Amino acid sequence: MKGILLAGGAGTRLYPLTLVTSKQLLPVYNKPMIYYPLSTLMLARIRDVLIISTPIDTPRIRELFGDGEALGMHLSYAVQDKPEGIAQAFTIGRNFVGDEPCAMILGDNIFYGNGLYHKLAHAVENAENGSATVFGYYVEDPQRFGVMELEKGIGGDEKNVKVLSVEEKPIAPRSNYAIVGLYFYPAGVSAMADQVQPSARGELEITSLNDLYLREGKLNAQLLGRGFTWIDAGTFESLRRATDFVYMIEQNQGMSISAPEEIAYRFGWITKEKLAQSAERYGKSPYGEHLRAVLDDRIVL
């Protein structure tokens, strides 16, 4: 199973913060934003990830993660010269994806909740069995999002939920469930993305790609219901909310969340020696101290 982390775009909604740095490198409390979506892919046990970013920001992200060896992963990089829609990631990443199933996450999306690991596992299973999975989150303003219409009488605990329709920013939404920035697709997704035609705004819309799978009866949904948090941290307000949320969780629990090195260690991808090297890299920062606590078994999950 491959993974793509789409960290492109100009981040104009966050000017002047993003005039000199990538949106995905902005801090969300004590970590760069990109740590959170990378951690989500890792929780799906995806170790081979392509990070797509701008010509200016790609070297900065590469400097942060390198080839992924410190995480027991294989990280590669590709440049998006001009953002032309989310589905473009699968044409840029065509050679990387090859004939394997692939997940994609947007670099400004943060997910948290008990049971997320199991929902990710269901999505991986679907992709390996030939169908796509999108994730839904209840919102009060669905007009701003891609929206899914769902089979009546469902709840948030089903392994898969039947999707009846998908629409991009509808005037009259058929539901309040937004399609969030996390997608799982079966083998052949790049060829499917080739069928997507540019929208009126000239972009390859991810909703159009999802609709192609829906028409073939190969689109599932996982709902992030009560107890889950999803934040698209692409505006000043949502960035502040994301920082407040992570601060609250970490202060209440006394431990870090979305720590890639910890995830890698718990999954057995890296040794104690590798984790110790990462802790040393972060010095005496709270993040470094957290990794040392993991290393010393002072934090047991």
Protein backbone atom coordinates (compact mmCIF):
# COMPACT_ATOMS: atom_id res chain seq x y z
CA MET A 1 0.00 0.00 0.00
CA LYS A 2 1.42 3.36 -1.07
CA GLY A 3 0.68 6.77 0.40
CA ILE A 4 0.71 10.31 -0.97
CA LEU A 5 0.92 13.41 1.21
CA LEU A 6 -0.14 16.45 -0.82
CA ALA A 7 1.59 19.48 0.68
CA GLY A 8 1.45 21.90 -2.24
CA GLY A 9 -0.37 25.15 -2.88
CA ALA A 10 0.56 28.73 -2.10
CA GLY A 11 -1.30 28.96 1.20
CA THR A 12 -2.69 32.37 0.26
CA ARG A 13 -5.39 32.19 2.94
CA LEU A 14 -2.59 32.35 5.50
CA TYR A 15 -0.67 35.32 4.08
CA PRO A 16 1.60 36.84 5.40
CA LEU A 17 2.54 33.72 7.40
CA THR A 18 3.10 31.69 4.25
CA LEU A 19 4.96 34.30 2.23
CA VAL A 20 8.27 32.80 3.34
CA THR A 21 7.42 29.24 4.36
CA SER A 22 5.12 26.37 3.48
CA LYS A 23 1.75 26.17 5.18
CA GLN A 24 2.57 22.58 6.10
CA LEU A 25 5.67 23.72 8.00
CA LEU A 26 3.77 26.17 10.20
CA PRO A 27 3.56 25.14 13.86
CA VAL A 28 0.49 23.44 15.24
CA TYR A 29 1.33 23.84 18.92
CA ASN A 30 4.70 22.05 19.23
CA LYS A 31 5.11 20.34 15.85
CA PRO A 32 5.10 21.30 12.18
CA MET A 33 1.67 20.83 10.64
CA ILE A 34 2.96 18.11 8.31
CA TYR A 35 3.69 15.79 11.26
CA TYR A 36 -0.05 15.26 11.74
CA PRO A 37 -1.06 13.99 8.27
CA LEU A 38 2.13 11.92 8.04
CA SER A 39 1.21 10.30 11.35
CA THR A 40 -2.23 9.43 9.98
CA LEU A 41 -0.70 7.58 7.03
CA MET A 42 1.63 5.81 9.45
CA LEU A 43 -1.33 4.71 11.59
CA ALA A 44 -2.67 3.05 8.43
CA ARG A 45 0.67 1.16 8.44
CA ILE A 46 1.79 2.82 5.22
CA ARG A 47 5.57 3.03 5.06
CA ASP A 48 6.15 4.08 1.44
CA VAL A 49 5.05 7.71 1.05
CA LEU A 50 5.42 10.32 -1.69
CA ILE A 51 5.37 13.92 -0.48
CA ILE A 52 4.27 16.39 -3.16
CA SER A 53 4.99 20.07 -2.65
CA THR A 54 6.03 23.25 -4.45
CA PRO A 55 9.43 23.82 -6.08
CA ILE A 56 10.42 26.13 -3.20
CA ASP A 57 9.05 24.07 -0.31
CA THR A 58 10.05 20.56 -1.39
CA PRO A 59 13.73 21.00 -0.35
CA ARG A 60 12.61 22.32 3.06
CA ILE A 61 10.39 19.31 3.70
CA ARG A 62 13.11 16.97 2.48
CA GLU A 63 15.47 18.59 4.98
CA LEU A 64 12.97 17.83 7.74
CA PHE A 65 12.39 14.15 6.94
CA GLY A 66 15.15 13.06 4.58
CA ASP A 67 14.56 9.68 2.99
CA GLY A 68 12.49 8.47 5.96
CA GLU A 69 15.18 6.14 7.28
CA ALA A 70 14.87 7.61 10.79
CA LEU A 71 11.21 6.56 10.76
CA GLY A 72 11.73 3.14 9.23
CA MET A 73 9.97 4.43 6.13
CA HIS A 74 10.74 5.19 2.52
CA LEU A 75 9.94 8.82 1.73
CA SER A 76 10.26 10.23 -1.76
CA TYR A 77 9.42 13.66 -3.15
CA ALA A 78 7.80 15.19 -6.21
CA VAL A 79 7.23 18.78 -7.27
CA GLN A 80 3.85 20.28 -8.13
CA ASP A 81 4.79 23.19 -10.37
CA LYS A 82 1.25 24.52 -10.48
CA PRO A 83 -1.66 23.41 -8.27
CA GLU A 84 -4.39 22.14 -10.58
CA GLY A 85 -6.62 20.18 -8.24
CA ILE A 86 -6.28 17.45 -5.64
CA ALA A 87 -6.74 14.62 -8.15
CA GLN A 88 -3.60 15.89 -9.91
CA ALA A 89 -1.59 14.15 -7.18
CA PHE A 90 -2.25 10.81 -8.85
CA THR A 91 -0.96 11.95 -12.22
CA ILE A 92 2.12 13.54 -10.64
CA GLY A 93 2.64 10.36 -8.63
CA ARG A 94 1.85 7.93 -11.45
CA ASN A 95 5.25 6.18 -11.42
CA PHE A 96 5.33 6.10 -7.63
CA VAL A 97 1.87 4.54 -7.29
CA GLY A 98 2.36 2.02 -10.08
CA ASP A 99 -0.11 -0.84 -9.85
CA GLU A 100 -0.62 -0.69 -6.09
CA PRO A 101 -3.51 0.65 -4.00
CA CYS A 102 -2.80 4.12 -2.65
CA ALA A 103 -4.00 6.43 0.11
CA MET A 104 -3.77 10.20 -0.10
CA ILE A 105 -4.01 12.81 2.64
CA LEU A 106 -3.95 16.59 2.43
CA GLY A 107 -1.08 18.24 4.25
CA ASP A 108 -3.28 20.59 6.28
CA ASN A 109 -5.74 17.97 7.56
CA ILE A 110 -5.56 16.80 11.18
CA PHE A 111 -7.41 13.71 12.43
CA TYR A 112 -7.75 12.47 15.99
CA GLY A 113 -9.98 10.05 17.83
CA ASN A 114 -10.22 6.73 19.60
CA GLY A 115 -10.81 4.07 16.97
CA LEU A 116 -9.23 5.96 14.07
CA TYR A 117 -6.73 3.13 13.65
CA HIS A 118 -9.56 0.64 13.00
CA LYS A 119 -11.28 2.90 10.48
CA LEU A 120 -8.00 3.28 8.63
CA ALA A 121 -7.55 -0.49 8.63
CA HIS A 122 -11.02 -0.92 7.07
CA ALA A 123 -10.11 1.59 4.35
CA VAL A 124 -6.87 -0.25 3.60
CA GLU A 125 -8.79 -3.53 3.37
CA ASN A 126 -11.27 -1.97 0.96
CA ALA A 127 -8.50 -0.61 -1.28
CA GLU A 128 -6.73 -3.95 -1.36
CA ASN A 129 -10.03 -5.59 -2.34
CA GLY A 130 -10.69 -3.19 -5.23
CA SER A 131 -12.84 -0.38 -3.84
CA ALA A 132 -12.30 3.22 -2.74
CA THR A 133 -13.05 4.77 0.65
CA VAL A 134 -13.73 8.39 1.58
CA PHE A 135 -14.13 9.74 5.11
CA GLY A 136 -17.11 11.83 6.20
CA TYR A 137 -17.44 14.40 8.98
CA TYR A 138 -20.63 16.21 10.01
CA VAL A 139 -20.44 19.97 9.40
CA GLU A 140 -22.90 22.83 9.79
CA ASP A 141 -21.88 24.49 6.50
CA PRO A 142 -21.68 21.70 3.89
CA GLN A 143 -21.91 24.22 1.04
CA ARG A 144 -18.17 24.86 1.53
CA PHE A 145 -17.13 21.23 0.94
CA GLY A 146 -17.40 18.20 -1.22
CA VAL A 147 -20.48 16.46 0.22
CA MET A 148 -21.65 12.84 0.26
CA GLU A 149 -25.26 11.67 0.33
CA LEU A 150 -25.57 8.54 2.46
CA GLU A 151 -27.90 5.62 2.77
CA LYS A 152 -30.61 6.38 5.33
CA GLY A 153 -30.60 4.87 8.78
CA ILE A 154 -26.85 4.50 9.20
CA GLY A 155 -24.65 5.31 12.15
CA GLY A 156 -20.98 6.03 12.66
CA ASP A 157 -19.84 2.54 13.66
CA GLU A 158 -20.44 0.62 10.44
CA LYS A 159 -17.43 -0.87 8.72
CA ASN A 160 -18.65 0.66 5.46
CA VAL A 161 -21.45 3.07 4.66
CA LYS A 162 -23.13 3.17 1.25
CA VAL A 163 -22.64 6.42 -0.65
CA LEU A 164 -25.53 7.48 -2.89
CA SER A 165 -24.02 10.63 -4.44
CA VAL A 166 -21.14 13.07 -4.18
CA GLU A 167 -21.20 16.79 -5.02
CA GLU A 168 -18.62 19.57 -4.91
CA LYS A 169 -19.73 22.61 -2.90
CA PRO A 170 -23.46 22.14 -3.66
CA ILE A 171 -25.91 25.01 -3.34
CA ALA A 172 -28.48 22.65 -1.83
CA PRO A 173 -26.50 19.90 -0.05
CA ARG A 174 -28.13 16.49 0.28
CA SER A 175 -26.45 15.90 3.63
CA ASN A 176 -24.23 17.56 6.21
CA TYR A 177 -21.39 15.09 5.73
CA ALA A 178 -18.31 16.71 4.23
CA ILE A 179 -15.78 14.54 2.44
CA VAL A 180 -12.58 15.27 4.31
CA GLY A 181 -9.02 15.24 3.01
CA LEU A 182 -8.24 11.54 3.39
CA TYR A 183 -8.86 9.07 0.56
CA PHE A 184 -8.06 5.40 -0.11
CA TYR A 185 -8.09 4.01 -3.64
CA PRO A 186 -7.52 0.59 -5.23
CA ALA A 187 -4.88 -0.25 -7.80
CA GLY A 188 -5.30 1.73 -11.02
CA VAL A 189 -6.13 5.09 -9.43
CA SER A 190 -3.73 7.02 -11.70
CA ALA A 191 -5.48 5.65 -14.79
CA MET A 192 -8.82 6.56 -13.23
CA ALA A 193 -7.53 10.09 -12.54
CA ASP A 194 -6.72 10.42 -16.25
CA GLN A 195 -10.48 10.30 -16.90
CA VAL A 196 -11.16 13.35 -14.73
CA GLN A 197 -11.90 16.47 -16.77
CA PRO A 198 -11.01 19.95 -15.47
CA SER A 199 -13.86 21.68 -13.67
CA ALA A 200 -15.15 25.17 -14.41
CA ARG A 201 -12.35 26.56 -12.26
CA GLY A 202 -9.78 24.58 -14.25
CA GLU A 203 -8.97 21.99 -11.59
CA LEU A 204 -8.98 18.20 -11.45
CA GLU A 205 -11.50 17.85 -8.64
CA ILE A 206 -11.19 14.98 -6.20
CA THR A 207 -15.00 14.85 -6.10
CA SER A 208 -15.00 14.00 -9.81
CA LEU A 209 -12.59 11.13 -9.16
CA ASN A 210 -14.77 9.87 -6.31
CA ASP A 211 -17.80 10.05 -8.58
CA LEU A 212 -16.11 7.76 -11.10
CA TYR A 213 -15.71 5.11 -8.40
CA LEU A 214 -19.29 5.69 -7.26
CA ARG A 215 -20.58 5.05 -10.79
CA GLU A 216 -18.77 1.72 -10.77
CA GLY A 217 -20.23 0.81 -7.38
CA LYS A 218 -16.80 0.94 -5.77
CA LEU A 219 -17.08 3.84 -3.31
CA ASN A 220 -17.38 3.29 0.44
CA ALA A 221 -17.51 5.78 3.30
CA GLN A 222 -16.19 5.74 6.83
CA LEU A 223 -17.88 8.27 9.10
CA LEU A 224 -15.94 10.11 11.78
CA GLY A 225 -18.70 10.48 14.34
CA ARG A 226 -18.79 11.43 18.01
CA GLY A 227 -15.39 11.30 19.62
CA PHE A 228 -13.49 12.17 16.46
CA THR A 229 -11.93 15.48 15.54
CA TRP A 230 -11.12 16.67 12.04
CA ILE A 231 -9.54 20.05 11.38
CA ASP A 232 -8.64 21.57 8.03
CA ALA A 233 -5.95 23.93 9.32
CA GLY A 234 -5.81 26.11 6.24
CA THR A 235 -7.19 29.36 7.69
CA PHE A 236 -6.14 31.56 10.60
CA GLU A 237 -9.17 30.51 12.63
CA SER A 238 -8.74 26.77 12.01
CA LEU A 239 -4.98 26.98 12.59
CA ARG A 240 -5.61 28.58 15.98
CA ARG A 241 -8.27 25.97 16.74
CA ALA A 242 -5.88 23.16 15.80
CA THR A 243 -3.19 24.56 18.08
CA ASP A 244 -5.65 24.91 20.96
CA PHE A 245 -6.91 21.37 20.41
CA VAL A 246 -3.46 19.76 20.39
CA TYR A 247 -2.46 21.80 23.45
CA MET A 248 -5.57 20.66 25.32
CA ILE A 249 -5.07 16.99 24.45
CA GLU A 250 -1.38 16.97 25.29
CA GLN A 251 -1.79 18.87 28.55
CA ASN A 252 -4.66 16.65 29.68
CA GLN A 253 -2.94 13.41 28.73
CA GLY A 254 0.60 14.45 29.53
CA MET A 255 1.91 12.98 26.28
CA SER A 256 2.45 14.00 22.69
CA ILE A 257 0.11 13.07 19.84
CA SER A 258 1.04 12.56 16.19
CA ALA A 259 4.68 11.89 17.00
CA PRO A 260 6.01 10.01 13.94
CA GLU A 261 9.07 8.62 15.73
CA GLU A 262 6.92 7.17 18.51
CA ILE A 263 4.53 5.56 16.01
CA ALA A 264 7.46 4.05 14.12
CA TYR A 265 8.92 2.66 17.35
CA ARG A 266 5.61 1.21 18.58
CA PHE A 267 5.07 -0.51 15.21
CA GLY A 268 8.57 -2.00 15.32
CA TRP A 269 9.77 -0.04 12.31
CA ILE A 270 12.74 1.42 14.19
CA THR A 271 14.96 0.20 17.03
CA LYS A 272 15.55 1.76 20.43
CA GLU A 273 18.84 3.05 19.07
CA LYS A 274 17.08 4.89 16.25
CA LEU A 275 14.55 6.36 18.65
CA ALA A 276 17.36 7.52 20.93
CA GLN A 277 19.02 9.25 17.98
CA SER A 278 15.79 11.08 17.19
CA ALA A 279 15.38 12.13 20.83
CA GLU A 280 18.91 13.50 20.76
CA ARG A 281 18.13 15.44 17.58
CA TYR A 282 15.28 17.26 19.32
CA GLY A 283 17.47 18.12 22.30
CA LYS A 284 15.85 19.27 25.53
CA SER A 285 12.61 20.35 23.89
CA PRO A 286 9.35 18.90 25.28
CA TYR A 287 9.12 16.80 22.10
CA GLY A 288 12.59 15.38 22.70
CA GLU A 289 11.69 14.69 26.32
CA HIS A 290 8.56 12.86 25.18
CA LEU A 291 10.60 10.56 22.95
CA ARG A 292 12.95 9.88 25.86
CA ALA A 293 9.94 8.99 28.02
CA VAL A 294 8.80 6.53 25.34
CA LEU A 295 12.31 5.14 25.15
CA ASP A 296 12.44 4.61 28.91
CA ASP A 297 9.00 2.97 28.98
CA ARG A 298 7.63 5.78 31.11
CA ILE A 299 4.72 6.03 28.65
CA VAL A 300 2.90 2.77 28.01
CA LEU A 301 -0.08 2.57 25.67
